[in-house]
Protein backbone atom coordinates (compact mmCIF):
# COMPACT_ATOMS: atom_id res chain seq x y z
CA UNK A 1 165.96 64.57 86.38
CA UNK A 2 162.97 65.92 84.46
CA UNK A 3 163.17 66.38 80.73
CA UNK A 4 163.96 69.93 79.54
CA UNK A 5 160.90 69.49 77.35
CA UNK A 6 158.60 69.40 80.38
CA UNK A 7 158.98 73.05 81.48
CA UNK A 8 157.58 74.51 84.68
CA UNK A 9 153.88 74.30 85.39
CA UNK A 10 153.65 78.09 85.03
CA UNK A 11 155.21 77.90 81.55
CA UNK A 12 152.99 74.98 80.58
CA UNK A 13 149.93 77.00 81.56
CA UNK A 14 151.07 79.86 79.29
CA UNK A 15 151.85 77.51 76.41
CA UNK A 16 148.53 75.65 76.77
CA UNK A 17 146.61 78.77 75.83
CA UNK A 18 148.80 79.49 72.79
CA UNK A 19 148.60 75.84 71.69
CA UNK A 20 144.82 75.98 72.06
CA UNK A 21 144.77 79.09 69.83
CA UNK A 22 146.79 77.25 67.17
CA UNK A 23 144.53 74.20 67.29
CA UNK A 24 141.29 76.16 67.40
CA UNK A 25 142.24 78.07 64.26
CA UNK A 26 142.07 74.84 62.21
CA UNK A 27 139.36 73.06 64.23
CA UNK A 28 136.62 73.96 61.69
CA UNK A 29 138.38 71.62 59.23
CA UNK A 30 137.63 68.72 61.57
CA UNK A 31 134.19 69.89 62.65
CA UNK A 32 133.04 70.19 59.01
CA UNK A 33 133.58 66.42 58.72
CA UNK A 34 132.69 65.02 62.09
CA UNK A 35 130.34 65.63 65.01
CA UNK A 36 132.94 64.17 67.39
CA UNK A 37 133.37 66.71 70.19
CA UNK A 38 136.65 65.36 71.60
CA UNK A 39 138.93 67.85 69.79
CA UNK A 40 136.84 70.86 70.87
CA UNK A 41 136.76 69.49 74.41
CA UNK A 42 140.55 69.07 74.32
CA UNK A 43 140.97 72.70 73.29
CA UNK A 44 138.60 73.87 76.01
CA UNK A 45 140.46 71.75 78.57
CA UNK A 46 143.82 73.18 77.42
CA UNK A 47 142.41 76.68 77.98
CA UNK A 48 141.03 75.66 81.38
CA UNK A 49 144.44 74.25 82.33
CA UNK A 50 146.00 77.52 81.18
CA UNK A 51 143.66 79.46 83.48
CA UNK A 52 144.55 77.20 86.40
CA UNK A 53 141.10 75.58 86.54
CA UNK A 54 142.46 72.06 85.93
CA UNK A 55 145.45 70.20 87.32
CA UNK A 56 148.31 68.72 85.35
CA UNK A 57 147.73 65.31 86.98
CA UNK A 58 144.12 65.23 85.83
CA UNK A 59 144.97 66.28 82.30
CA UNK A 60 147.84 63.81 81.92
CA UNK A 61 145.31 60.99 82.09
CA UNK A 62 143.19 62.56 79.32
CA UNK A 63 145.93 63.62 76.88
CA UNK A 64 145.30 60.90 74.28
CA UNK A 65 141.51 61.27 74.07
CA UNK A 66 141.38 63.91 71.33
CA UNK A 67 143.98 62.14 69.19
CA UNK A 68 141.68 59.16 68.82
CA UNK A 69 139.09 61.47 67.26
CA UNK A 70 141.36 61.87 64.24
CA UNK A 71 140.06 58.48 63.05
CA UNK A 72 136.59 59.98 62.60
CA UNK A 73 137.86 62.62 60.16
CA UNK A 74 137.25 62.02 56.49
CA UNK A 75 140.23 64.00 55.21
CA UNK A 76 143.89 64.33 56.12
CA UNK A 77 143.31 68.02 56.96
CA UNK A 78 140.54 67.12 59.41
CA UNK A 79 142.69 64.42 61.01
CA UNK A 80 145.59 66.88 61.40
CA UNK A 81 143.24 69.39 63.03
CA UNK A 82 142.14 66.75 65.58
CA UNK A 83 145.79 65.91 66.27
CA UNK A 84 146.55 69.61 66.81
CA UNK A 85 143.86 69.63 69.52
CA UNK A 86 145.33 66.49 71.07
CA UNK A 87 148.79 68.05 71.17
CA UNK A 88 147.33 71.18 72.80
CA UNK A 89 145.80 69.05 75.53
CA UNK A 90 149.16 67.33 76.03
CA UNK A 91 150.81 70.60 77.07
CA UNK A 92 149.57 69.99 80.63
CA UNK A 93 151.89 66.97 80.63
CA UNK A 94 154.86 68.39 78.73
CA UNK A 95 155.36 71.89 77.38
CA UNK A 96 156.95 70.68 74.15
CA UNK A 97 153.54 69.49 72.98
CA UNK A 98 152.77 73.15 72.23
CA UNK A 99 155.09 72.92 69.23
CA UNK A 100 153.31 69.70 68.24
CA UNK A 101 149.98 71.55 68.29
CA UNK A 102 151.42 74.30 66.10
CA UNK A 103 152.98 71.79 63.69
CA UNK A 104 149.77 69.79 63.26
CA UNK A 105 147.80 73.02 62.81
CA UNK A 106 150.22 74.07 60.07
CA UNK A 107 149.84 70.64 58.46
CA UNK A 108 146.04 70.99 58.54
CA UNK A 109 146.22 74.46 56.99
CA UNK A 110 148.54 73.27 54.21
CA UNK A 111 146.37 70.25 53.45
CA UNK A 112 143.23 72.39 53.39
CA UNK A 113 144.93 74.84 51.02
CA UNK A 114 145.82 71.88 48.80
CA UNK A 115 149.55 72.56 49.16
CA UNK A 116 149.14 76.17 48.04
CA UNK A 117 152.54 77.88 47.98
CA UNK A 118 152.95 79.92 51.11
CA UNK A 119 150.24 78.18 53.14
CA UNK A 120 152.73 76.85 55.69
CA UNK A 121 154.54 80.17 55.99
CA UNK A 122 151.25 82.03 56.40
CA UNK A 123 150.15 79.71 59.18
CA UNK A 124 153.50 79.79 60.96
CA UNK A 125 153.60 83.60 60.75
CA UNK A 126 150.14 83.74 62.32
CA UNK A 127 151.27 81.39 65.09
CA UNK A 128 154.42 83.38 65.86
CA UNK A 129 152.52 86.68 65.78
CA UNK A 130 150.05 85.18 68.27
CA UNK A 131 152.81 84.51 70.84
CA UNK A 132 153.09 86.80 73.81
CA UNK A 133 156.57 87.64 75.06
CA UNK A 134 156.31 85.10 77.90
CA UNK A 135 155.13 82.36 75.50
CA UNK A 136 158.03 83.03 73.13
CA UNK A 137 160.43 83.05 76.07
CA UNK A 138 159.12 79.69 77.34
CA UNK A 139 159.34 78.16 73.85
CA UNK A 140 162.93 79.36 73.52
CA UNK A 141 163.89 77.25 76.54
CA UNK A 142 162.92 74.04 74.74
CA UNK A 143 165.76 72.04 73.20
CA UNK A 144 166.11 72.08 69.40
CA UNK A 145 164.05 69.45 67.66
CA UNK A 146 165.80 66.08 67.73
CA UNK A 147 168.37 67.00 70.40
CA UNK A 148 166.64 65.49 73.44
CA UNK A 149 165.03 62.06 73.25
CA UNK A 150 163.05 62.40 76.50
CA UNK A 151 159.87 63.86 75.04
CA UNK A 152 157.92 64.81 71.94
CA UNK A 153 160.79 66.79 70.42
CA UNK A 154 162.96 63.67 70.27
CA UNK A 155 163.75 61.79 67.07
CA UNK A 156 160.19 60.56 66.56
CA UNK A 157 157.04 61.52 64.70
CA UNK A 158 157.26 65.26 65.34
CA UNK A 159 160.85 65.39 64.08
CA UNK A 160 160.01 63.86 60.70
CA UNK A 161 158.64 65.27 57.47
CA UNK A 162 156.48 68.35 57.38
CA UNK A 163 155.83 68.31 61.13
CA UNK A 164 159.57 68.54 61.78
CA UNK A 165 159.94 71.25 59.16
CA UNK A 166 157.18 73.31 60.81
CA UNK A 167 158.74 72.96 64.28
CA UNK A 168 162.20 73.81 62.97
CA UNK A 169 160.76 76.89 61.26
CA UNK A 170 159.13 78.07 64.49
CA UNK A 171 162.29 77.43 66.49
CA UNK A 172 164.34 79.32 63.89
CA UNK A 173 161.96 82.28 64.01
CA UNK A 174 162.24 82.28 67.81
CA UNK A 175 166.06 82.24 67.60
CA UNK A 176 166.07 85.17 65.17
CA UNK A 177 163.83 87.25 67.44
CA UNK A 178 165.64 86.48 70.70
């Protein structure tokens, strides 16, 4: 049986575009530090997958490429922005990566704001406001963070620390607006 974090291909295509929006919003933090084009390419590929121009099988093989670009960033904010792009590209493989893209984008925004009070809430509000009804509906079908170990929302990296807090905040906002 497939993981409930995978979602249908139609839902993954919707989420890929939203995840690309989240990642692209913080991409300038990475691009100010590095000429590495892998994160921008990952975002463009997520959008192309969302349009139906690329296949899930082809993108599954490329999902880790942008994440390696984080090593060329000179700041934690830049590295988080590259990881947001990598998570956006991973949506072709598993829909839950959309929440990873949003969480890393929120981390990048907070780090760039030097932990300014409200930076995380501002970013998360922007992300939620950017969701279409179908995107919010697809995200609501994902299991709560930490409840299902068969994917990125399991008890791993995305469930810990600020990334977990960002995902929990998004999931809570989605529950309140259901």
